[in-house]
Amino acid sequence: MKMPKERISLRLHLGLARWLRREAAARHTTVSAVIEDCVRRERDMERAEVFARAALKGVCLVLARGDKERAKELERELAAEALAEVKGARGGG
C-alpha cells in the first residue's frame, strides 16, 4: 500500500541543489526520492544513536555492579575509545 505524501517547499544553497540533481540523475530517480532517502536515513541513524546510548548506559551500570559513579566513568571511557576508533577508521588519527 502506498503511503500518502505531502508536498513541501524548501530552499537549498545552489551547490547543494546542483549536487541533488546530479545525484538523482545518477540514481535514475527523482530529486524527491533522493531527499526522502536522505531524510529517512538521518531519522534511522538518530534512532540507532538513541538505542546505542541507552545500551551503553545499561551495560556500564551492569559492569559497574550498580555503582552509578563507576558506571559514568566506564561510559566516558568506552565513548572515548569508540570515538578514537571512528577517527582512526576515517584516517583522522
N, C-alpha and C. Protein backbone atom coordinates (compact mmCIF):
# COMPACT_ATOMS: atom_id res chain seq x y z
N MET A 1 0.85 -1.19 0.00
CA MET A 1 0.00 0.00 0.00
C MET A 1 0.89 1.24 0.00
N LYS A 2 0.60 2.17 -0.87
CA LYS A 2 1.37 3.41 -0.95
C LYS A 2 1.03 4.31 0.22
N MET A 3 2.08 4.92 0.75
CA MET A 3 1.89 5.87 1.85
C MET A 3 1.50 7.22 1.25
N PRO A 4 0.57 7.91 1.88
CA PRO A 4 0.23 9.25 1.39
C PRO A 4 1.44 10.17 1.54
N LYS A 5 1.56 11.10 0.61
CA LYS A 5 2.69 12.03 0.63
C LYS A 5 2.18 13.45 0.69
N GLU A 6 3.03 14.30 1.22
CA GLU A 6 2.71 15.73 1.33
C GLU A 6 3.73 16.51 0.54
N ARG A 7 3.27 17.48 -0.20
CA ARG A 7 4.17 18.35 -0.95
C ARG A 7 4.68 19.44 -0.02
N ILE A 8 6.00 19.62 -0.02
CA ILE A 8 6.60 20.70 0.76
C ILE A 8 7.53 21.48 -0.15
N SER A 9 7.87 22.66 0.28
CA SER A 9 8.78 23.51 -0.48
C SER A 9 9.98 23.80 0.40
N LEU A 10 11.18 23.77 -0.21
CA LEU A 10 12.37 24.11 0.55
C LEU A 10 13.35 24.85 -0.32
N ARG A 11 14.22 25.59 0.33
CA ARG A 11 15.26 26.35 -0.37
C ARG A 11 16.60 25.74 0.01
N LEU A 12 17.47 25.56 -0.98
CA LEU A 12 18.79 25.00 -0.76
C LEU A 12 19.85 25.91 -1.34
N HIS A 13 21.04 25.86 -0.77
CA HIS A 13 22.16 26.57 -1.38
C HIS A 13 22.37 26.01 -2.78
N LEU A 14 22.82 26.83 -3.67
CA LEU A 14 22.97 26.45 -5.07
C LEU A 14 23.81 25.19 -5.26
N GLY A 15 24.93 25.11 -4.57
CA GLY A 15 25.80 23.94 -4.70
C GLY A 15 25.12 22.65 -4.26
N LEU A 16 24.35 22.74 -3.19
CA LEU A 16 23.63 21.56 -2.70
C LEU A 16 22.53 21.16 -3.67
N ALA A 17 21.85 22.14 -4.23
CA ALA A 17 20.80 21.84 -5.22
C ALA A 17 21.39 21.17 -6.46
N ARG A 18 22.54 21.65 -6.88
CA ARG A 18 23.20 21.03 -8.05
C ARG A 18 23.60 19.59 -7.74
N TRP A 19 24.16 19.38 -6.55
CA TRP A 19 24.54 18.02 -6.15
C TRP A 19 23.33 17.11 -6.14
N LEU A 20 22.23 17.64 -5.62
CA LEU A 20 20.99 16.86 -5.52
C LEU A 20 20.49 16.43 -6.89
N ARG A 21 20.51 17.33 -7.85
CA ARG A 21 20.08 16.99 -9.20
C ARG A 21 21.00 15.95 -9.83
N ARG A 22 22.31 16.12 -9.65
CA ARG A 22 23.28 15.15 -10.18
C ARG A 22 23.08 13.78 -9.54
N GLU A 23 22.86 13.77 -8.24
CA GLU A 23 22.65 12.52 -7.51
C GLU A 23 21.39 11.81 -8.00
N ALA A 24 20.33 12.56 -8.20
CA ALA A 24 19.08 11.97 -8.70
C ALA A 24 19.29 11.39 -10.09
N ALA A 25 20.01 12.10 -10.94
CA ALA A 25 20.28 11.60 -12.29
C ALA A 25 21.13 10.33 -12.23
N ALA A 26 22.13 10.32 -11.36
CA ALA A 26 23.00 9.14 -11.25
C ALA A 26 22.23 7.92 -10.74
N ARG A 27 21.24 8.15 -9.90
CA ARG A 27 20.43 7.05 -9.35
C ARG A 27 19.24 6.70 -10.25
N HIS A 28 19.06 7.49 -11.31
CA HIS A 28 17.91 7.30 -12.21
C HIS A 28 16.59 7.38 -11.43
N THR A 29 16.50 8.45 -10.64
CA THR A 29 15.30 8.66 -9.83
C THR A 29 15.01 10.15 -9.74
N THR A 30 14.07 10.50 -8.91
CA THR A 30 13.68 11.90 -8.76
C THR A 30 14.45 12.57 -7.62
N VAL A 31 14.48 13.89 -7.68
CA VAL A 31 15.07 14.66 -6.59
C VAL A 31 14.31 14.36 -5.30
N SER A 32 13.01 14.27 -5.37
CA SER A 32 12.20 13.96 -4.18
C SER A 32 12.60 12.62 -3.57
N ALA A 33 12.86 11.63 -4.40
CA ALA A 33 13.24 10.31 -3.89
C ALA A 33 14.59 10.37 -3.18
N VAL A 34 15.53 11.15 -3.70
CA VAL A 34 16.84 11.29 -3.06
C VAL A 34 16.67 11.98 -1.71
N ILE A 35 15.90 13.04 -1.67
CA ILE A 35 15.66 13.76 -0.41
C ILE A 35 14.99 12.84 0.60
N GLU A 36 13.97 12.11 0.17
CA GLU A 36 13.26 11.21 1.07
C GLU A 36 14.22 10.15 1.63
N ASP A 37 15.08 9.61 0.79
CA ASP A 37 16.05 8.62 1.23
C ASP A 37 17.01 9.21 2.26
N CYS A 38 17.52 10.41 2.00
CA CYS A 38 18.45 11.06 2.93
C CYS A 38 17.77 11.35 4.27
N VAL A 39 16.55 11.85 4.24
CA VAL A 39 15.83 12.18 5.47
C VAL A 39 15.53 10.90 6.25
N ARG A 40 15.12 9.85 5.56
CA ARG A 40 14.83 8.58 6.22
C ARG A 40 16.10 8.01 6.88
N ARG A 41 17.24 8.06 6.17
CA ARG A 41 18.49 7.56 6.75
C ARG A 41 18.88 8.37 7.98
N GLU A 42 18.73 9.68 7.93
CA GLU A 42 19.05 10.53 9.08
C GLU A 42 18.17 10.16 10.27
N ARG A 43 16.87 9.98 10.02
CA ARG A 43 15.95 9.60 11.10
C ARG A 43 16.35 8.25 11.69
N ASP A 44 16.68 7.29 10.84
CA ASP A 44 17.07 5.97 11.31
C ASP A 44 18.36 6.01 12.11
N MET A 45 19.31 6.84 11.67
CA MET A 45 20.57 6.98 12.41
C MET A 45 20.33 7.61 13.78
N GLU A 46 19.42 8.55 13.84
CA GLU A 46 19.09 9.18 15.12
C GLU A 46 18.50 8.15 16.07
N ARG A 47 17.60 7.32 15.57
CA ARG A 47 17.02 6.25 16.39
C ARG A 47 18.08 5.27 16.86
N ALA A 48 18.99 4.90 15.96
CA ALA A 48 20.06 3.97 16.31
C ALA A 48 20.96 4.56 17.38
N GLU A 49 21.24 5.86 17.28
CA GLU A 49 22.10 6.51 18.28
C GLU A 49 21.43 6.52 19.65
N VAL A 50 20.14 6.79 19.69
CA VAL A 50 19.41 6.79 20.96
C VAL A 50 19.47 5.39 21.59
N PHE A 51 19.26 4.36 20.76
CA PHE A 51 19.33 2.99 21.25
C PHE A 51 20.74 2.66 21.76
N ALA A 52 21.76 3.04 20.99
CA ALA A 52 23.14 2.74 21.37
C ALA A 52 23.51 3.42 22.69
N ARG A 53 23.08 4.66 22.86
CA ARG A 53 23.38 5.37 24.11
C ARG A 53 22.70 4.68 25.30
N ALA A 54 21.46 4.26 25.12
CA ALA A 54 20.75 3.58 26.20
C ALA A 54 21.41 2.24 26.52
N ALA A 55 21.83 1.52 25.49
CA ALA A 55 22.51 0.24 25.69
C ALA A 55 23.84 0.45 26.42
N LEU A 56 24.59 1.47 26.03
CA LEU A 56 25.87 1.77 26.68
C LEU A 56 25.66 2.05 28.16
N LYS A 57 24.66 2.86 28.47
CA LYS A 57 24.38 3.17 29.88
C LYS A 57 24.04 1.91 30.66
N GLY A 58 23.20 1.07 30.07
CA GLY A 58 22.80 -0.16 30.74
C GLY A 58 23.97 -1.11 30.96
N VAL A 59 24.79 -1.30 29.94
CA VAL A 59 25.95 -2.18 30.05
C VAL A 59 26.93 -1.66 31.10
N CYS A 60 27.16 -0.37 31.09
CA CYS A 60 28.10 0.21 32.05
C CYS A 60 27.59 0.05 33.48
N LEU A 61 26.30 0.19 33.67
CA LEU A 61 25.74 0.03 35.00
C LEU A 61 25.89 -1.42 35.48
N VAL A 62 25.69 -2.37 34.57
CA VAL A 62 25.87 -3.78 34.92
C VAL A 62 27.33 -4.06 35.23
N LEU A 63 28.24 -3.57 34.37
CA LEU A 63 29.68 -3.79 34.60
C LEU A 63 30.15 -3.16 35.91
N ALA A 64 29.53 -2.03 36.27
CA ALA A 64 29.90 -1.33 37.50
C ALA A 64 29.16 -1.91 38.71
N ARG A 65 28.40 -2.97 38.49
CA ARG A 65 27.66 -3.65 39.57
C ARG A 65 26.78 -2.68 40.35
N GLY A 66 26.12 -1.77 39.61
CA GLY A 66 25.17 -0.86 40.22
C GLY A 66 25.75 0.43 40.76
N ASP A 67 27.07 0.56 40.75
CA ASP A 67 27.73 1.78 41.23
C ASP A 67 27.58 2.85 40.14
N LYS A 68 26.70 3.81 40.38
CA LYS A 68 26.38 4.81 39.35
C LYS A 68 27.58 5.68 38.97
N GLU A 69 28.41 6.03 39.93
CA GLU A 69 29.58 6.85 39.61
C GLU A 69 30.57 6.07 38.74
N ARG A 70 30.81 4.81 39.10
CA ARG A 70 31.71 3.98 38.30
C ARG A 70 31.11 3.75 36.92
N ALA A 71 29.80 3.60 36.83
CA ALA A 71 29.13 3.40 35.54
C ALA A 71 29.36 4.61 34.64
N LYS A 72 29.28 5.82 35.21
CA LYS A 72 29.53 7.03 34.42
C LYS A 72 30.97 7.08 33.93
N GLU A 73 31.90 6.68 34.79
CA GLU A 73 33.31 6.64 34.38
C GLU A 73 33.51 5.66 33.22
N LEU A 74 32.93 4.48 33.35
CA LEU A 74 33.03 3.48 32.27
C LEU A 74 32.43 4.00 30.98
N GLU A 75 31.30 4.67 31.11
CA GLU A 75 30.62 5.22 29.93
C GLU A 75 31.52 6.22 29.21
N ARG A 76 32.16 7.11 29.97
CA ARG A 76 33.07 8.09 29.37
C ARG A 76 34.26 7.39 28.71
N GLU A 77 34.82 6.40 29.40
CA GLU A 77 35.98 5.68 28.86
C GLU A 77 35.62 4.96 27.55
N LEU A 78 34.51 4.24 27.56
CA LEU A 78 34.11 3.49 26.37
C LEU A 78 33.75 4.43 25.22
N ALA A 79 33.09 5.54 25.53
CA ALA A 79 32.74 6.51 24.49
C ALA A 79 34.00 7.12 23.89
N ALA A 80 34.99 7.42 24.73
CA ALA A 80 36.25 7.99 24.22
C ALA A 80 36.97 6.97 23.33
N GLU A 81 36.98 5.70 23.73
CA GLU A 81 37.61 4.65 22.92
C GLU A 81 36.89 4.51 21.57
N ALA A 82 35.58 4.54 21.60
CA ALA A 82 34.80 4.40 20.36
C ALA A 82 35.08 5.58 19.44
N LEU A 83 35.14 6.77 19.98
CA LEU A 83 35.43 7.96 19.18
C LEU A 83 36.82 7.86 18.54
N ALA A 84 37.78 7.39 19.31
CA ALA A 84 39.14 7.22 18.78
C ALA A 84 39.14 6.21 17.64
N GLU A 85 38.38 5.13 17.79
CA GLU A 85 38.31 4.13 16.72
C GLU A 85 37.67 4.69 15.46
N VAL A 86 36.62 5.48 15.63
CA VAL A 86 35.96 6.10 14.48
C VAL A 86 36.91 7.04 13.77
N LYS A 87 37.61 7.86 14.53
CA LYS A 87 38.57 8.79 13.94
C LYS A 87 39.67 8.03 13.21
N GLY A 88 40.14 6.94 13.80
CA GLY A 88 41.17 6.12 13.17
C GLY A 88 40.68 5.48 11.88
N ALA A 89 39.44 5.03 11.88
CA ALA A 89 38.86 4.41 10.69
C ALA A 89 38.70 5.42 9.57
N ARG A 90 38.48 6.68 9.92
CA ARG A 90 38.33 7.75 8.92
C ARG A 90 39.67 8.35 8.51
N GLY A 91 40.73 7.86 9.12
CA GLY A 91 42.05 8.40 8.79
C GLY A 91 42.36 9.68 9.53
N GLY A 92 41.62 9.95 10.61
CA GLY A 92 41.83 11.19 11.33
C GLY A 92 42.69 11.05 12.56
N GLY A 93 43.43 9.98 12.66
CA GLY A 93 44.28 9.90 13.82
C GLY A 93 44.57 8.52 14.12
